Amino acid sequence: MIRSNGRIRVTHQGTLPRSDELRSLVRARGSGETYDAGGLAQGLTAAVADVVRHQVEIGIDSINDGEQSKTSFNDYVTTRLGGLEPTPEIYYSPITGRDRRDFPDYHQRNRLGGTRHVYQCVGPLTYIGNTLLQTDIGNLKTAMQAVEVEQAYLPAVAPGSIEHWLRNAYYPDEEAFLYAIADAMHAEYRAIIDAGLILQIDDPDLADGWQVEPDLDLAAYRRRATLRTEVLNHALKGLPEDRIVMHMCWGSGKGPHTNDLPLREFVDIVLSVHAGAYSIEAANPRHEWEWELWQDVKLPDGKLLIPGVIAHCTDHVEHPRLVAQRLVRYANVVGRENVIAGSDCGLGTRVGDPLICWAKLRSAVEGARLASEELWR
């Protein structure tokens, strides 16, 4: 895994813009509707080539495929796990559970979800997504042949975050269900690393579990989070830590977030994930202050911290000087070589226009350059 030797490296954490036509084809495939398979295949190859080229031109050091082939960062696995079937229930995200009590009108107007169905597990979970996964890997590697790339990664969702929208109608209890998800998803995690890529594990459940279960007290939440982290580590068993990034955020939807659990209350659980780098939401106004935590909490030796320095919660494009200030703060407490500039979460589906997404990434690169000038002068 790359480190910030000589300058601050830059990455981002997920989705990048794609065309409306490609998005419609991907959704049709994911929902089992009739779609143009040839058109989708050609569209994905071209789209991945385009976003890879664009990332490299901007100056991103660790690039990905922009998740061009996925319906979303988590429910894409409905096409990759066997033993599932859709239900009539429409999915609404539970990740604002505590905030809904304080801001009921706001959250009624802005319910997350409503465009897809809940799935349930009705039989043994198996991994059936190898063809789709190898297509993703192949498209990324083909695109990389035309450019010089320092590092490339593919995201994959964590078992605990899959559990958010997947109902259990087969396994005897919650723990057995979680471990079954982990065993099935291990195949995807290993295949990404075996392809020579970095694996990014997307695990917003680690933080937003506090909102998903609004009646839990802190001790009960920590037991819940510890179990799901043990399950994730089980899914990562045998995989090299220095090829794994663990990304977490607080659900990342727009809204008040006044009930988000401070990182200090569970940072030890975050750091127990068997990963070489920890990507943590840090740019939005609810969590930017939490850089202070690292004055007291030691980043484990050899590990990297990837704080979000650009946010998807606003369409404002961060000034490069602000990005630089954020990076210098982190570098001064955990060491400049241990910091990589990141984003709070995927930008492609969350900011108001594709050009805003790319402008934010340019600011991240320019801000990292300014921070490097200060840190290595």
Protein backbone atom coordinates (compact mmCIF):
# COMPACT_ATOMS: atom_id res chain seq x y z
CA MET A 1 0.00 0.00 0.00
CA ILE A 2 1.32 3.44 -0.87
CA ARG A 3 2.41 5.82 1.87
CA SER A 4 2.89 9.57 1.86
CA ASN A 5 6.65 9.49 1.46
CA GLY A 6 7.88 12.86 0.27
CA ARG A 7 4.38 14.28 -0.27
CA ILE A 8 0.78 13.68 0.80
CA ARG A 9 -0.90 11.13 -1.44
CA VAL A 10 -4.55 11.53 -2.52
CA THR A 11 -7.42 9.09 -2.95
CA HIS A 12 -11.21 9.14 -2.63
CA GLN A 13 -13.72 6.71 -1.23
CA GLY A 14 -16.15 5.37 -3.83
CA THR A 15 -18.57 6.42 -6.51
CA LEU A 16 -17.76 8.77 -9.36
CA PRO A 17 -20.13 10.32 -11.92
CA ARG A 18 -21.69 8.19 -14.67
CA SER A 19 -24.15 8.87 -17.43
CA ASP A 20 -27.91 8.61 -16.96
CA GLU A 21 -28.02 5.97 -19.71
CA LEU A 22 -25.46 3.77 -17.96
CA ARG A 23 -27.17 4.24 -14.60
CA SER A 24 -30.49 3.07 -16.11
CA LEU A 25 -28.88 -0.03 -17.59
CA VAL A 26 -27.21 -0.93 -14.31
CA ARG A 27 -30.47 -0.50 -12.41
CA ALA A 28 -32.35 -2.62 -14.92
CA ARG A 29 -29.85 -5.45 -14.55
CA GLY A 30 -29.93 -5.19 -10.77
CA SER A 31 -33.73 -5.36 -10.62
CA GLY A 32 -34.01 -8.25 -13.07
CA GLU A 33 -35.62 -6.20 -15.84
CA THR A 34 -34.91 -6.65 -19.53
CA TYR A 35 -31.85 -4.67 -20.60
CA ASP A 36 -29.34 -4.40 -23.43
CA ALA A 37 -26.52 -6.65 -22.19
CA GLY A 38 -24.18 -5.71 -25.02
CA GLY A 39 -24.83 -2.03 -24.55
CA LEU A 40 -24.19 -2.34 -20.81
CA ALA A 41 -20.92 -4.21 -21.33
CA GLN A 42 -19.65 -1.65 -23.83
CA GLY A 43 -20.87 1.22 -21.69
CA LEU A 44 -19.11 -0.06 -18.59
CA THR A 45 -15.81 -0.60 -20.37
CA ALA A 46 -15.92 2.93 -21.79
CA ALA A 47 -17.09 4.52 -18.53
CA VAL A 48 -14.37 2.88 -16.44
CA ALA A 49 -11.72 3.94 -18.96
CA ASP A 50 -13.03 7.50 -18.78
CA VAL A 51 -13.12 7.79 -14.98
CA VAL A 52 -9.69 6.18 -14.63
CA ARG A 53 -8.21 8.61 -17.14
CA HIS A 54 -9.93 11.54 -15.44
CA GLN A 55 -8.64 10.58 -11.98
CA VAL A 56 -5.09 10.26 -13.24
CA GLU A 57 -5.26 13.57 -15.12
CA ILE A 58 -6.45 15.32 -11.95
CA GLY A 59 -3.62 13.79 -9.96
CA ILE A 60 -5.35 11.16 -7.80
CA ASP A 61 -2.73 8.66 -6.58
CA SER A 62 -5.00 5.76 -5.57
CA ILE A 63 -7.79 5.38 -8.12
CA ASN A 64 -10.77 3.09 -8.58
CA ASP A 65 -13.41 2.24 -11.19
CA GLY A 66 -15.87 4.80 -9.84
CA GLU A 67 -18.23 1.91 -8.97
CA GLN A 68 -19.67 2.28 -12.46
CA SER A 69 -21.21 -1.20 -12.46
CA LYS A 70 -22.99 -1.03 -9.08
CA THR A 71 -26.57 -0.12 -8.26
CA SER A 72 -25.20 1.29 -4.99
CA PHE A 73 -22.22 0.68 -2.74
CA ASN A 74 -24.11 -1.97 -0.76
CA ASP A 75 -27.14 -3.46 -2.53
CA TYR A 76 -25.06 -4.45 -5.55
CA VAL A 77 -24.60 -7.74 -3.73
CA THR A 78 -28.17 -8.78 -4.58
CA THR A 79 -26.63 -9.91 -7.89
CA ARG A 80 -23.65 -11.57 -6.18
CA LEU A 81 -25.14 -13.60 -3.34
CA GLY A 82 -27.17 -16.77 -3.83
CA GLY A 83 -29.97 -17.58 -1.39
CA LEU A 84 -31.78 -14.24 -1.71
CA GLU A 85 -35.15 -13.22 -3.03
CA PRO A 86 -36.93 -9.84 -3.20
CA THR A 87 -39.91 -9.07 -0.99
CA PRO A 88 -42.80 -6.65 -1.66
CA GLU A 89 -41.44 -4.37 1.09
CA ILE A 90 -39.95 -1.06 -0.10
CA TYR A 91 -36.62 -0.30 1.53
CA TYR A 92 -36.17 2.84 3.60
CA SER A 93 -32.82 3.36 5.24
CA PRO A 94 -32.84 3.05 9.06
CA ILE A 95 -29.66 5.07 9.56
CA THR A 96 -31.41 8.20 10.88
CA GLY A 97 -33.27 6.44 13.70
CA ARG A 98 -32.29 8.76 16.55
CA ASP A 99 -32.37 11.94 14.47
CA ARG A 100 -35.93 11.16 13.36
CA ARG A 101 -37.08 11.61 16.93
CA ASP A 102 -35.68 15.15 17.10
CA PHE A 103 -36.43 16.24 13.52
CA PRO A 104 -39.50 14.21 12.48
CA ASP A 105 -40.82 16.58 9.81
CA TYR A 106 -37.43 16.91 8.13
CA HIS A 107 -36.89 13.16 7.97
CA GLN A 108 -40.42 12.48 6.76
CA ARG A 109 -39.77 14.84 3.84
CA ASN A 110 -36.34 13.35 3.17
CA ARG A 111 -36.76 9.61 3.71
CA LEU A 112 -33.75 7.71 2.42
CA GLY A 113 -34.67 4.96 -0.02
CA GLY A 114 -38.05 4.18 -1.48
CA THR A 115 -36.84 3.07 -4.91
CA ARG A 116 -35.94 -0.56 -4.27
CA HIS A 117 -37.27 -3.59 -2.51
CA VAL A 118 -36.05 -5.30 0.62
CA TYR A 119 -34.43 -8.68 0.00
CA GLN A 120 -34.57 -11.64 2.32
CA CYS A 121 -32.30 -14.62 2.80
CA VAL A 122 -34.31 -17.79 2.15
CA GLY A 123 -31.53 -20.35 1.81
CA PRO A 124 -27.81 -20.90 2.33
CA LEU A 125 -25.83 -17.83 1.31
CA THR A 126 -23.30 -18.49 -1.45
CA TYR A 127 -21.16 -16.26 -3.62
CA ILE A 128 -22.40 -16.31 -7.23
CA GLY A 129 -20.92 -13.03 -8.39
CA ASN A 130 -17.56 -14.10 -9.76
CA THR A 131 -18.41 -13.30 -13.39
CA LEU A 132 -19.57 -9.80 -12.48
CA LEU A 133 -16.58 -9.27 -10.20
CA GLN A 134 -14.08 -10.43 -12.81
CA THR A 135 -15.70 -8.05 -15.29
CA ASP A 136 -15.15 -5.19 -12.85
CA ILE A 137 -11.54 -6.25 -12.30
CA GLY A 138 -10.97 -6.65 -16.02
CA ASN A 139 -12.45 -3.25 -16.89
CA LEU A 140 -10.28 -1.53 -14.28
CA LYS A 141 -7.10 -3.30 -15.34
CA THR A 142 -7.77 -2.61 -19.01
CA ALA A 143 -8.29 1.07 -18.27
CA MET A 144 -5.05 1.18 -16.29
CA GLN A 145 -3.04 0.01 -19.29
CA ALA A 146 -3.46 3.42 -20.90
CA VAL A 147 -2.22 5.47 -17.93
CA GLU A 148 0.37 5.43 -15.16
CA VAL A 149 -1.27 4.53 -11.86
CA GLU A 150 0.48 4.40 -8.49
CA GLN A 151 -2.27 2.38 -6.81
CA ALA A 152 -5.73 1.04 -7.67
CA TYR A 153 -8.48 -0.30 -5.46
CA LEU A 154 -11.96 -1.76 -5.62
CA PRO A 155 -14.58 -1.24 -2.89
CA ALA A 156 -16.64 -4.05 -1.40
CA VAL A 157 -19.29 -3.80 1.28
CA ALA A 158 -18.86 -5.21 4.81
CA PRO A 159 -21.15 -7.92 6.23
CA GLY A 160 -22.66 -5.61 8.86
CA SER A 161 -23.70 -3.07 6.25
CA ILE A 162 -25.26 -5.78 4.08
CA GLU A 163 -27.35 -6.79 7.07
CA HIS A 164 -29.01 -3.34 7.14
CA TRP A 165 -31.25 -4.08 4.17
CA LEU A 166 -31.22 -7.88 4.07
CA ARG A 167 -33.76 -9.80 6.14
CA ASN A 168 -32.97 -13.19 7.62
CA ALA A 169 -35.58 -15.86 6.93
CA TYR A 170 -33.24 -18.86 7.03
CA TYR A 171 -30.49 -18.80 9.66
CA PRO A 172 -31.29 -19.59 13.31
CA ASP A 173 -30.09 -16.29 14.78
CA GLU A 174 -28.44 -12.97 14.06
CA GLU A 175 -24.90 -14.16 14.71
CA ALA A 176 -25.19 -17.17 12.40
CA PHE A 177 -26.65 -14.90 9.73
CA LEU A 178 -23.79 -12.41 9.99
CA TYR A 179 -21.13 -15.11 9.79
CA ALA A 180 -22.87 -16.63 6.76
CA ILE A 181 -22.69 -13.25 5.00
CA ALA A 182 -19.01 -13.03 5.94
CA ASP A 183 -18.23 -16.50 4.60
CA ALA A 184 -19.95 -15.73 1.30
CA MET A 185 -18.33 -12.29 0.84
CA HIS A 186 -14.84 -13.61 1.62
CA ALA A 187 -14.68 -14.85 -1.98
CA GLU A 188 -15.10 -11.29 -3.29
CA TYR A 189 -12.60 -9.82 -0.87
CA ARG A 190 -9.95 -12.42 -1.74
CA ALA A 191 -10.50 -12.12 -5.49
CA ILE A 192 -9.88 -8.35 -5.40
CA ILE A 193 -6.59 -8.79 -3.55
CA ASP A 194 -5.56 -11.77 -5.68
CA ALA A 195 -6.01 -9.52 -8.73
CA GLY A 196 -3.27 -7.26 -7.38
CA LEU A 197 -5.65 -4.51 -6.27
CA ILE A 198 -6.22 -2.88 -2.90
CA LEU A 199 -9.44 -3.93 -1.18
CA GLN A 200 -11.53 -1.14 0.35
CA ILE A 201 -14.10 -2.43 2.82
CA ASP A 202 -17.09 -0.09 3.09
CA ASP A 203 -18.50 -0.32 6.61
CA PRO A 204 -20.76 2.61 7.52
CA ASP A 205 -22.61 0.19 9.81
CA LEU A 206 -19.79 0.52 12.30
CA ALA A 207 -20.84 4.10 13.11
CA ASP A 208 -24.45 4.31 11.98
CA GLY A 209 -25.43 1.20 13.94
CA TRP A 210 -25.94 3.69 16.78
CA GLN A 211 -28.75 5.29 14.78
CA VAL A 212 -30.08 2.04 13.31
CA GLU A 213 -30.81 0.76 16.83
CA PRO A 214 -32.02 3.95 18.54
CA ASP A 215 -32.98 2.27 21.82
CA LEU A 216 -29.53 0.86 22.54
CA ASP A 217 -27.39 2.38 25.27
CA LEU A 218 -23.67 2.80 24.69
CA ALA A 219 -22.67 -0.52 26.24
CA ALA A 220 -25.20 -2.42 24.11
CA TYR A 221 -24.12 -0.55 20.98
CA ARG A 222 -20.49 -1.42 21.64
CA ARG A 223 -21.41 -5.10 21.98
CA ARG A 224 -23.28 -4.86 18.68
CA ALA A 225 -20.37 -3.13 16.94
CA THR A 226 -17.81 -5.53 18.41
CA LEU A 227 -19.71 -8.54 17.10
CA ARG A 228 -19.92 -7.07 13.61
CA THR A 229 -16.23 -6.20 13.67
CA GLU A 230 -15.37 -9.74 14.72
CA VAL A 231 -17.51 -10.94 11.81
CA LEU A 232 -15.68 -8.60 9.43
CA ASN A 233 -12.32 -9.84 10.65
CA HIS A 234 -13.56 -13.39 10.07
CA ALA A 235 -14.40 -12.42 6.49
CA LEU A 236 -10.89 -10.96 6.08
CA LYS A 237 -9.14 -13.99 7.58
CA GLY A 238 -6.00 -14.92 5.70
CA LEU A 239 -5.88 -11.69 3.69
CA PRO A 240 -2.89 -9.33 4.02
CA GLU A 241 -3.69 -6.32 6.18
CA ASP A 242 -1.42 -4.07 4.16
CA ARG A 243 -3.70 -4.58 1.13
CA ILE A 244 -6.88 -3.54 2.95
CA VAL A 245 -8.47 -0.14 3.60
CA MET A 246 -11.42 0.03 5.99
CA HIS A 247 -13.76 2.93 5.20
CA MET A 248 -16.37 4.13 7.70
CA CYS A 249 -18.71 7.07 7.91
CA TRP A 250 -21.82 8.13 9.82
CA GLY A 251 -24.32 7.14 7.16
CA SER A 252 -23.35 10.16 5.09
CA GLY A 253 -26.83 11.32 4.14
CA LYS A 254 -27.65 15.02 4.30
CA GLY A 255 -29.36 15.98 7.54
CA PRO A 256 -28.70 17.24 11.08
CA HIS A 257 -26.68 14.25 12.40
CA THR A 258 -26.99 15.63 15.93
CA ASN A 259 -27.18 12.09 17.31
CA ASP A 260 -24.10 10.73 15.57
CA LEU A 261 -21.95 8.88 18.08
CA PRO A 262 -18.58 10.62 18.55
CA LEU A 263 -15.64 8.64 17.21
CA ARG A 264 -14.00 8.60 20.65
CA GLU A 265 -16.75 6.25 21.89
CA PHE A 266 -15.79 3.46 19.46
CA VAL A 267 -12.42 4.29 17.92
CA ASP A 268 -10.89 1.23 19.61
CA ILE A 269 -13.39 -0.95 17.72
CA VAL A 270 -12.53 0.79 14.45
CA LEU A 271 -8.83 0.15 15.01
CA SER A 272 -9.49 -3.53 15.76
CA VAL A 273 -10.41 -4.13 12.10
CA HIS A 274 -7.62 -6.08 10.40
CA ALA A 275 -6.72 -3.39 7.87
CA GLY A 276 -3.63 -1.41 6.95
CA ALA A 277 -5.47 1.90 6.60
CA TYR A 278 -8.53 3.50 8.16
CA SER A 279 -10.60 5.89 6.04
CA ILE A 280 -12.80 8.04 8.28
CA GLU A 281 -15.33 10.77 7.51
CA ALA A 282 -13.75 14.01 8.71
CA ALA A 283 -14.71 16.96 6.50
CA ASN A 284 -18.36 17.62 7.26
CA PRO A 285 -19.26 20.12 10.00
CA ARG A 286 -20.46 17.44 12.42
CA HIS A 287 -17.17 15.55 12.48
CA GLU A 288 -14.35 17.86 11.35
CA TRP A 289 -13.45 18.64 14.96
CA GLU A 290 -12.66 15.01 15.68
CA TRP A 291 -9.07 15.33 14.46
CA GLU A 292 -8.40 16.27 18.10
CA LEU A 293 -9.00 12.64 19.07
CA TRP A 294 -5.68 11.59 17.55
CA GLN A 295 -3.81 13.75 20.04
CA ASP A 296 -4.79 11.14 22.65
CA VAL A 297 -5.32 7.96 20.59
CA LYS A 298 -2.25 6.43 18.98
CA LEU A 299 -2.54 5.26 15.40
CA PRO A 300 -1.11 1.72 15.46
CA ASP A 301 2.42 1.38 14.14
CA GLY A 302 2.58 0.83 10.40
CA LYS A 303 -1.05 1.84 9.83
CA LEU A 304 -2.34 4.72 7.70
CA LEU A 305 -5.08 7.26 8.36
CA ILE A 306 -7.19 8.53 5.45
CA PRO A 307 -9.29 11.43 6.76
CA GLY A 308 -11.99 12.86 4.57
CA VAL A 309 -10.83 16.32 3.52
CA ILE A 310 -13.62 16.93 1.00
CA ALA A 311 -17.28 16.40 1.84
CA HIS A 312 -20.29 15.22 -0.11
CA CYS A 313 -22.75 16.88 2.30
CA THR A 314 -22.35 20.20 0.47
CA ASP A 315 -22.02 21.30 -3.14
CA HIS A 316 -19.57 23.97 -2.04
CA VAL A 317 -16.15 23.13 -3.46
CA GLU A 318 -13.61 23.22 -0.66
CA HIS A 319 -10.84 25.77 -1.06
CA PRO A 320 -7.43 24.09 -1.43
CA ARG A 321 -6.13 26.06 1.55
CA LEU A 322 -8.86 24.53 3.72
CA VAL A 323 -7.92 21.07 2.47
CA ALA A 324 -4.28 21.83 3.29
CA GLN A 325 -5.17 22.99 6.80
CA ARG A 326 -7.08 19.78 7.44
CA LEU A 327 -4.20 17.63 6.22
CA VAL A 328 -1.57 19.50 8.20
CA ARG A 329 -3.58 19.09 11.39
CA TYR A 330 -3.69 15.33 10.92
CA ALA A 331 -0.06 15.10 9.83
CA ASN A 332 1.07 16.97 12.93
CA VAL A 333 -0.59 14.44 15.24
CA VAL A 334 -0.12 11.08 13.48
CA GLY A 335 2.89 11.78 11.26
CA ARG A 336 2.98 13.15 7.74
CA GLU A 337 3.92 9.83 6.15
CA ASN A 338 0.87 8.19 7.76
CA VAL A 339 -1.75 10.50 6.24
CA ILE A 340 -3.46 10.16 2.85
CA ALA A 341 -6.05 12.69 1.69
CA GLY A 342 -9.48 11.16 1.16
CA SER A 343 -13.14 12.04 0.82
CA ASP A 344 -15.88 11.59 3.40
CA CYS A 345 -17.60 9.05 1.16
CA GLY A 346 -18.40 8.47 -2.50
CA LEU A 347 -19.04 11.73 -4.32
CA GLY A 348 -20.57 10.58 -7.59
CA THR A 349 -24.15 10.15 -6.43
CA ARG A 350 -24.18 12.74 -3.65
CA VAL A 351 -23.16 16.11 -5.09
CA GLY A 352 -25.33 18.17 -7.36
CA ASP A 353 -23.42 17.90 -10.61
CA PRO A 354 -20.59 15.74 -12.04
CA LEU A 355 -18.44 18.82 -12.58
CA ILE A 356 -18.71 19.60 -8.86
CA CYS A 357 -17.42 16.12 -8.05
CA TRP A 358 -14.37 16.57 -10.24
CA ALA A 359 -13.80 20.09 -8.92
CA LYS A 360 -13.76 18.77 -5.36
CA LEU A 361 -11.19 16.16 -6.29
CA ARG A 362 -9.02 18.83 -7.93
CA SER A 363 -9.18 20.81 -4.69
CA ALA A 364 -8.10 17.70 -2.77
CA VAL A 365 -5.07 17.31 -5.03
CA GLU A 366 -4.16 21.00 -4.87
CA GLY A 367 -4.69 21.05 -1.11
CA ALA A 368 -2.42 18.02 -0.71
CA ARG A 369 0.24 19.84 -2.75
CA LEU A 370 0.02 22.89 -0.49
CA ALA A 371 0.13 20.74 2.63
CA SER A 372 3.16 18.88 1.29
CA GLU A 373 5.01 22.15 0.69
CA GLU A 374 4.43 23.06 4.32
CA LEU A 375 5.16 19.65 5.78
CA TRP A 376 8.34 18.96 3.80
CA ARG A 377 9.84 22.45 3.64
